């Protein structure tokens, strides 16, 4: 999925208030760490599950669950 497709998918999902609340909570956690937001966008664009998992493994331990939650929300 390229960046444009990711943004379009996110805009559609943000119309659902439940999704929007969960997503905004998770993103607010990530915004406290500089540079992490760009890293998450790169990971979200990875289609290969093995490559995505390797990229997730490189993230700090305390943010892995939040990033995984965001990715799961986007894929649901």
PDB file of N, CA and C in Angstrom:
ATOM      1  N   UNK A   1       0.853  -1.161   0.000  1.00  0.00           N
ATOM      2  CA  UNK A   1       0.000   0.000   0.000  1.00  0.00           C
ATOM      3  C   UNK A   1       0.907   1.234   0.000  1.00  0.00           C
ATOM      4  N   UNK A   2       0.670   2.140  -0.936  1.00  0.00           N
ATOM      5  CA  UNK A   2       1.483   3.347  -0.963  1.00  0.00           C
ATOM      6  C   UNK A   2       0.901   4.394  -0.008  1.00  0.00           C
ATOM      7  N   UNK A   3       1.600   5.498   0.141  1.00  0.00           N
ATOM      8  CA  UNK A   3       1.194   6.519   1.118  1.00  0.00           C
ATOM      9  C   UNK A   3      -0.195   7.076   0.799  1.00  0.00           C
ATOM     10  N   UNK A   4      -0.480   7.289  -0.472  1.00  0.00           N
ATOM     11  CA  UNK A   4      -1.788   7.828  -0.851  1.00  0.00           C
ATOM     12  C   UNK A   4      -2.915   6.865  -0.471  1.00  0.00           C
ATOM     13  N   UNK A   5      -2.724   5.583  -0.742  1.00  0.00           N
ATOM     14  CA  UNK A   5      -3.737   4.588  -0.394  1.00  0.00           C
ATOM     15  C   UNK A   5      -3.939   4.513   1.115  1.00  0.00           C
ATOM     16  N   UNK A   6      -2.847   4.630   1.846  1.00  0.00           N
ATOM     17  CA  UNK A   6      -2.919   4.606   3.299  1.00  0.00           C
ATOM     18  C   UNK A   6      -3.730   5.786   3.823  1.00  0.00           C
ATOM     19  N   UNK A   7      -3.484   6.958   3.281  1.00  0.00           N
ATOM     20  CA  UNK A   7      -4.216   8.158   3.712  1.00  0.00           C
ATOM     21  C   UNK A   7      -5.695   8.041   3.363  1.00  0.00           C
ATOM     22  N   UNK A   8      -6.003   7.557   2.180  1.00  0.00           N
ATOM     23  CA  UNK A   8      -7.407   7.403   1.770  1.00  0.00           C
ATOM     24  C   UNK A   8      -8.128   6.394   2.671  1.00  0.00           C
ATOM     25  N   UNK A   9      -7.459   5.299   2.983  1.00  0.00           N
ATOM     26  CA  UNK A   9      -8.055   4.286   3.859  1.00  0.00           C
ATOM     27  C   UNK A   9      -8.302   4.863   5.246  1.00  0.00           C
ATOM     28  N   UNK A  10      -7.341   5.623   5.739  1.00  0.00           N
ATOM     29  CA  UNK A  10      -7.473   6.232   7.062  1.00  0.00           C
ATOM     30  C   UNK A  10      -8.613   7.241   7.086  1.00  0.00           C
ATOM     31  N   UNK A  11      -8.741   8.044   6.044  1.00  0.00           N
ATOM     32  CA  UNK A  11      -9.836   9.014   5.988  1.00  0.00           C
ATOM     33  C   UNK A  11     -11.192   8.328   6.013  1.00  0.00           C
ATOM     34  N   UNK A  12     -11.320   7.227   5.307  1.00  0.00           N
ATOM     35  CA  UNK A  12     -12.591   6.487   5.311  1.00  0.00           C
ATOM     36  C   UNK A  12     -12.900   5.914   6.690  1.00  0.00           C
ATOM     37  N   UNK A  13     -11.891   5.336   7.322  1.00  0.00           N
ATOM     38  CA  UNK A  13     -12.096   4.719   8.632  1.00  0.00           C
ATOM     39  C   UNK A  13     -12.342   5.753   9.728  1.00  0.00           C
ATOM     40  N   UNK A  14     -11.812   6.952   9.573  1.00  0.00           N
ATOM     41  CA  UNK A  14     -11.978   7.983  10.591  1.00  0.00           C
ATOM     42  C   UNK A  14     -13.424   8.475  10.675  1.00  0.00           C
ATOM     43  N   UNK A  15     -14.250   8.115   9.723  1.00  0.00           N
ATOM     44  CA  UNK A  15     -15.660   8.482   9.773  1.00  0.00           C
ATOM     45  C   UNK A  15     -16.398   7.675  10.843  1.00  0.00           C
ATOM     46  N   UNK A  16     -15.823   6.550  11.238  1.00  0.00           N
ATOM     47  CA  UNK A  16     -16.390   5.733  12.310  1.00  0.00           C
ATOM     48  C   UNK A  16     -15.877   6.277  13.643  1.00  0.00           C
ATOM     49  N   UNK A  17     -16.784   6.777  14.516  1.00  0.00           N
ATOM     50  CA  UNK A  17     -16.335   7.395  15.770  1.00  0.00           C
ATOM     51  C   UNK A  17     -15.578   6.448  16.706  1.00  0.00           C
ATOM     52  N   UNK A  18     -15.940   5.181  16.723  1.00  0.00           N
ATOM     53  CA  UNK A  18     -15.240   4.214  17.580  1.00  0.00           C
ATOM     54  C   UNK A  18     -13.793   4.053  17.098  1.00  0.00           C
ATOM     55  N   UNK A  19     -13.644   3.871  15.803  1.00  0.00           N
ATOM     56  CA  UNK A  19     -12.298   3.759  15.225  1.00  0.00           C
ATOM     57  C   UNK A  19     -11.505   5.035  15.478  1.00  0.00           C
ATOM     58  N   UNK A  20     -12.132   6.170  15.243  1.00  0.00           N
ATOM     59  CA  UNK A  20     -11.446   7.462  15.404  1.00  0.00           C
ATOM     60  C   UNK A  20     -10.934   7.645  16.829  1.00  0.00           C
ATOM     61  N   UNK A  21     -11.728   7.288  17.817  1.00  0.00           N
ATOM     62  CA  UNK A  21     -11.299   7.421  19.210  1.00  0.00           C
ATOM     63  C   UNK A  21     -10.109   6.516  19.517  1.00  0.00           C
ATOM     64  N   UNK A  22     -10.206   5.254  19.110  1.00  0.00           N
ATOM     65  CA  UNK A  22      -9.109   4.316  19.358  1.00  0.00           C
ATOM     66  C   UNK A  22      -7.834   4.760  18.652  1.00  0.00           C
ATOM     67  N   UNK A  23      -7.988   5.184  17.408  1.00  0.00           N
ATOM     68  CA  UNK A  23      -6.837   5.592  16.618  1.00  0.00           C
ATOM     69  C   UNK A  23      -6.182   6.847  17.211  1.00  0.00           C
ATOM     70  N   UNK A  24      -6.996   7.821  17.582  1.00  0.00           N
ATOM     71  CA  UNK A  24      -6.458   9.060  18.144  1.00  0.00           C
ATOM     72  C   UNK A  24      -5.746   8.822  19.479  1.00  0.00           C
ATOM     73  N   UNK A  25      -6.260   7.923  20.294  1.00  0.00           N
ATOM     74  CA  UNK A  25      -5.597   7.591  21.566  1.00  0.00           C
ATOM     75  C   UNK A  25      -4.225   6.970  21.308  1.00  0.00           C
ATOM     76  N   UNK A  26      -4.181   6.032  20.361  1.00  0.00           N
ATOM     77  CA  UNK A  26      -2.915   5.367  20.060  1.00  0.00           C
ATOM     78  C   UNK A  26      -1.909   6.344  19.460  1.00  0.00           C
ATOM     79  N   UNK A  27      -2.365   7.208  18.579  1.00  0.00           N
ATOM     80  CA  UNK A  27      -1.465   8.169  17.942  1.00  0.00           C
ATOM     81  C   UNK A  27      -0.942   9.186  18.958  1.00  0.00           C
ATOM     82  N   UNK A  28      -1.761   9.578  19.901  1.00  0.00           N
ATOM     83  CA  UNK A  28      -1.300  10.534  20.908  1.00  0.00           C
ATOM     84  C   UNK A  28      -0.164   9.945  21.747  1.00  0.00           C
ATOM     85  N   UNK A  29      -0.197   8.633  21.971  1.00  0.00           N
ATOM     86  CA  UNK A  29       0.894   7.972  22.685  1.00  0.00           C
ATOM     87  C   UNK A  29       2.188   8.051  21.875  1.00  0.00           C
ATOM     88  N   UNK A  30       2.061   7.872  20.571  1.00  0.00           N
ATOM     89  CA  UNK A  30       3.246   7.858  19.713  1.00  0.00           C
ATOM     90  C   UNK A  30       3.828   9.255  19.488  1.00  0.00           C
ATOM     91  N   UNK A  31       2.995  10.265  19.526  1.00  0.00           N
ATOM     92  CA  UNK A  31       3.474  11.619  19.249  1.00  0.00           C
ATOM     93  C   UNK A  31       4.452  12.121  20.296  1.00  0.00           C
ATOM     94  N   UNK A  32       4.503  11.483  21.431  1.00  0.00           N
ATOM     95  CA  UNK A  32       5.427  11.916  22.483  1.00  0.00           C
ATOM     96  C   UNK A  32       6.870  11.483  22.190  1.00  0.00           C
ATOM     97  N   UNK A  33       7.056  10.613  21.206  1.00  0.00           N
ATOM     98  CA  UNK A  33       8.401  10.137  20.866  1.00  0.00           C
ATOM     99  C   UNK A  33       8.792  10.693  19.498  1.00  0.00           C
ATOM    100  N   UNK A  34       9.804  11.564  19.446  1.00  0.00           N
ATOM    101  CA  UNK A  34      10.202  12.187  18.181  1.00  0.00           C
ATOM    102  C   UNK A  34      10.643  11.168  17.131  1.00  0.00           C
ATOM    103  N   UNK A  35      10.180  11.350  15.907  1.00  0.00           N
ATOM    104  CA  UNK A  35      10.580  10.505  14.789  1.00  0.00           C
ATOM    105  C   UNK A  35       9.825   9.202  14.666  1.00  0.00           C
ATOM    106  N   UNK A  36       9.090   8.849  15.677  1.00  0.00           N
ATOM    107  CA  UNK A  36       8.407   7.553  15.661  1.00  0.00           C
ATOM    108  C   UNK A  36       7.237   7.547  14.676  1.00  0.00           C
ATOM    109  N   UNK A  37       6.587   8.675  14.537  1.00  0.00           N
ATOM    110  CA  UNK A  37       5.427   8.752  13.638  1.00  0.00           C
ATOM    111  C   UNK A  37       5.833   8.409  12.195  1.00  0.00           C
ATOM    112  N   UNK A  38       6.958   8.920  11.752  1.00  0.00           N
ATOM    113  CA  UNK A  38       7.428   8.624  10.393  1.00  0.00           C
ATOM    114  C   UNK A  38       7.776   7.143  10.255  1.00  0.00           C
ATOM    115  N   UNK A  39       8.343   6.580  11.294  1.00  0.00           N
ATOM    116  CA  UNK A  39       8.697   5.165  11.282  1.00  0.00           C
ATOM    117  C   UNK A  39       7.442   4.300  11.171  1.00  0.00           C
ATOM    118  N   UNK A  40       6.398   4.678  11.885  1.00  0.00           N
ATOM    119  CA  UNK A  40       5.138   3.920  11.848  1.00  0.00           C
ATOM    120  C   UNK A  40       4.512   4.008  10.457  1.00  0.00           C
ATOM    121  N   UNK A  41       4.573   5.168   9.829  1.00  0.00           N
ATOM    122  CA  UNK A  41       4.032   5.299   8.474  1.00  0.00           C
ATOM    123  C   UNK A  41       4.773   4.388   7.502  1.00  0.00           C
ATOM    124  N   UNK A  42       6.076   4.292   7.650  1.00  0.00           N
ATOM    125  CA  UNK A  42       6.849   3.396   6.786  1.00  0.00           C
ATOM    126  C   UNK A  42       6.445   1.942   7.018  1.00  0.00           C
ATOM    127  N   UNK A  43       6.284   1.572   8.270  1.00  0.00           N
ATOM    128  CA  UNK A  43       5.910   0.193   8.600  1.00  0.00           C
ATOM    129  C   UNK A  43       4.516  -0.125   8.063  1.00  0.00           C
ATOM    130  N   UNK A  44       3.611   0.833   8.152  1.00  0.00           N
ATOM    131  CA  UNK A  44       2.235   0.609   7.681  1.00  0.00           C
ATOM    132  C   UNK A  44       2.190   0.359   6.180  1.00  0.00           C
ATOM    133  N   UNK A  45       3.174   0.848   5.451  1.00  0.00           N
ATOM    134  CA  UNK A  45       3.192   0.678   4.001  1.00  0.00           C
ATOM    135  C   UNK A  45       3.827  -0.640   3.561  1.00  0.00           C
ATOM    136  N   UNK A  46       4.398  -1.383   4.486  1.00  0.00           N
ATOM    137  CA  UNK A  46       5.030  -2.668   4.154  1.00  0.00           C
ATOM    138  C   UNK A  46       3.948  -3.733   3.987  1.00  0.00           C
ATOM    139  N   UNK A  47       3.924  -4.352   2.818  1.00  0.00           N
ATOM    140  CA  UNK A  47       2.918  -5.385   2.537  1.00  0.00           C
ATOM    141  C   UNK A  47       3.362  -6.769   2.984  1.00  0.00           C
ATOM    142  N   UNK A  48       4.654  -7.034   2.956  1.00  0.00           N
ATOM    143  CA  UNK A  48       5.188  -8.337   3.325  1.00  0.00           C
ATOM    144  C   UNK A  48       5.178  -8.471   4.846  1.00  0.00           C
ATOM    145  N   UNK A  49       4.483  -9.473   5.347  1.00  0.00           N
ATOM    146  CA  UNK A  49       4.310  -9.650   6.802  1.00  0.00           C
ATOM    147  C   UNK A  49       5.649  -9.888   7.514  1.00  0.00           C
ATOM    148  N   UNK A  50       6.551 -10.640   6.888  1.00  0.00           N
ATOM    149  CA  UNK A  50       7.858 -10.902   7.509  1.00  0.00           C
ATOM    150  C   UNK A  50       8.676  -9.622   7.629  1.00  0.00           C
ATOM    151  N   UNK A  51       8.678  -8.809   6.572  1.00  0.00           N
ATOM    152  CA  UNK A  51       9.412  -7.547   6.610  1.00  0.00           C
ATOM    153  C   UNK A  51       8.791  -6.599   7.627  1.00  0.00           C
ATOM    154  N   UNK A  52       7.464  -6.604   7.703  1.00  0.00           N
ATOM    155  CA  UNK A  52       6.780  -5.750   8.670  1.00  0.00           C
ATOM    156  C   UNK A  52       7.154  -6.151  10.095  1.00  0.00           C
ATOM    157  N   UNK A  53       7.203  -7.452  10.348  1.00  0.00           N
ATOM    158  CA  UNK A  53       7.549  -7.926  11.693  1.00  0.00           C
ATOM    159  C   UNK A  53       8.986  -7.561  12.050  1.00  0.00           C
ATOM    160  N   UNK A  54       9.893  -7.651  11.079  1.00  0.00           N
ATOM    161  CA  UNK A  54      11.280  -7.259  11.329  1.00  0.00           C
ATOM    162  C   UNK A  54      11.371  -5.777  11.672  1.00  0.00           C
ATOM    163  N   UNK A  55      10.612  -4.950  10.961  1.00  0.00           N
ATOM    164  CA  UNK A  55      10.607  -3.514  11.234  1.00  0.00           C
ATOM    165  C   UNK A  55      10.019  -3.229  12.619  1.00  0.00           C
ATOM    166  N   UNK A  56       8.964  -3.955  12.980  1.00  0.00           N
ATOM    167  CA  UNK A  56       8.371  -3.795  14.311  1.00  0.00           C
ATOM    168  C   UNK A  56       9.351  -4.207  15.408  1.00  0.00           C
ATOM    169  N   UNK A  57      10.133  -5.232  15.154  1.00  0.00           N
ATOM    170  CA  UNK A  57      11.098  -5.703  16.152  1.00  0.00           C
ATOM    171  C   UNK A  57      12.184  -4.677  16.442  1.00  0.00           C
ATOM    172  N   UNK A  58      12.435  -3.782  15.498  1.00  0.00           N
ATOM    173  CA  UNK A  58      13.458  -2.748  15.680  1.00  0.00           C
ATOM    174  C   UNK A  58      12.969  -1.580  16.537  1.00  0.00           C
ATOM    175  N   UNK A  59      11.659  -1.509  16.763  1.00  0.00           N
ATOM    176  CA  UNK A  59      11.099  -0.408  17.550  1.00  0.00           C
ATOM    177  C   UNK A  59      11.376  -0.612  19.039  1.00  0.00           C
ATOM    178  N   UNK A  60      11.367   0.485  19.792  1.00  0.00           N
ATOM    179  CA  UNK A  60      11.531   0.346  21.251  1.00  0.00           C
ATOM    180  C   UNK A  60      10.406  -0.512  21.837  1.00  0.00           C
ATOM    181  N   UNK A  61      10.731  -1.281  22.843  1.00  0.00           N
ATOM    182  CA  UNK A  61       9.796  -2.229  23.452  1.00  0.00           C
ATOM    183  C   UNK A  61       8.512  -1.556  23.930  1.00  0.00           C
ATOM    184  N   UNK A  62       8.633  -0.373  24.533  1.00  0.00           N
ATOM    185  CA  UNK A  62       7.467   0.289  25.117  1.00  0.00           C
ATOM    186  C   UNK A  62       6.449   0.775  24.090  1.00  0.00           C
ATOM    187  N   UNK A  63       6.828   0.849  22.817  1.00  0.00           N
ATOM    188  CA  UNK A  63       5.873   1.335  21.819  1.00  0.00           C
ATOM    189  C   UNK A  63       5.378   0.253  20.867  1.00  0.00           C
ATOM    190  N   UNK A  64       5.939  -0.941  20.940  1.00  0.00           N
ATOM    191  CA  UNK A  64       5.539  -2.011  20.023  1.00  0.00           C
ATOM    192  C   UNK A  64       4.050  -2.312  20.091  1.00  0.00           C
ATOM    193  N   UNK A  65       3.498  -2.368  21.295  1.00  0.00           N
ATOM    194  CA  UNK A  65       2.077  -2.702  21.420  1.00  0.00           C
ATOM    195  C   UNK A  65       1.202  -1.609  20.829  1.00  0.00           C
ATOM    196  N   UNK A  66       1.595  -0.356  21.001  1.00  0.00           N
ATOM    197  CA  UNK A  66       0.814   0.749  20.447  1.00  0.00           C
ATOM    198  C   UNK A  66       0.870   0.734  18.927  1.00  0.00           C
ATOM    199  N   UNK A  67       2.040   0.505  18.371  1.00  0.00           N
ATOM    200  CA  UNK A  67       2.187   0.450  16.913  1.00  0.00           C
ATOM    201  C   UNK A  67       1.404  -0.734  16.357  1.00  0.00           C
ATOM    202  N   UNK A  68       1.476  -1.861  17.014  1.00  0.00           N
ATOM    203  CA  UNK A  68       0.721  -3.038  16.580  1.00  0.00           C
ATOM    204  C   UNK A  68      -0.772  -2.754  16.616  1.00  0.00           C
ATOM    205  N   UNK A  69      -1.228  -2.048  17.634  1.00  0.00           N
ATOM    206  CA  UNK A  69      -2.642  -1.689  17.738  1.00  0.00           C
ATOM    207  C   UNK A  69      -3.060  -0.804  16.562  1.00  0.00           C
ATOM    208  N   UNK A  70      -2.238   0.174  16.219  1.00  0.00           N
ATOM    209  CA  UNK A  70      -2.547   1.065  15.093  1.00  0.00           C
ATOM    210  C   UNK A  70      -2.613   0.266  13.791  1.00  0.00           C
ATOM    211  N   UNK A  71      -1.637  -0.600  13.567  1.00  0.00           N
ATOM    212  CA  UNK A  71      -1.632  -1.405  12.345  1.00  0.00           C
ATOM    213  C   UNK A  71      -2.852  -2.316  12.274  1.00  0.00           C
ATOM    214  N   UNK A  72      -3.229  -2.902  13.397  1.00  0.00           N
ATOM    215  CA  UNK A  72      -4.423  -3.752  13.421  1.00  0.00           C
ATOM    216  C   UNK A  72      -5.685  -2.947  13.141  1.00  0.00           C
ATOM    217  N   UNK A  73      -5.753  -1.726  13.668  1.00  0.00           N
ATOM    218  CA  UNK A  73      -6.907  -0.879  13.398  1.00  0.00           C
ATOM    219  C   UNK A  73      -6.999  -0.558  11.907  1.00  0.00           C
ATOM    220  N   UNK A  74      -5.873  -0.278  11.293  1.00  0.00           N
ATOM    221  CA  UNK A  74      -5.867   0.051   9.866  1.00  0.00           C
ATOM    222  C   UNK A  74      -6.248  -1.140   8.993  1.00  0.00           C
ATOM    223  N   UNK A  75      -5.886  -2.330   9.446  1.00  0.00           N
ATOM    224  CA  UNK A  75      -6.173  -3.524   8.652  1.00  0.00           C
ATOM    225  C   UNK A  75      -7.569  -4.076   8.877  1.00  0.00           C
ATOM    226  N   UNK A  76      -8.232  -3.669   9.955  1.00  0.00           N
ATOM    227  CA  UNK A  76      -9.559  -4.227  10.256  1.00  0.00           C
ATOM    228  C   UNK A  76     -10.631  -3.668   9.360  1.00  0.00           C
TER     229      UNK A  76
END
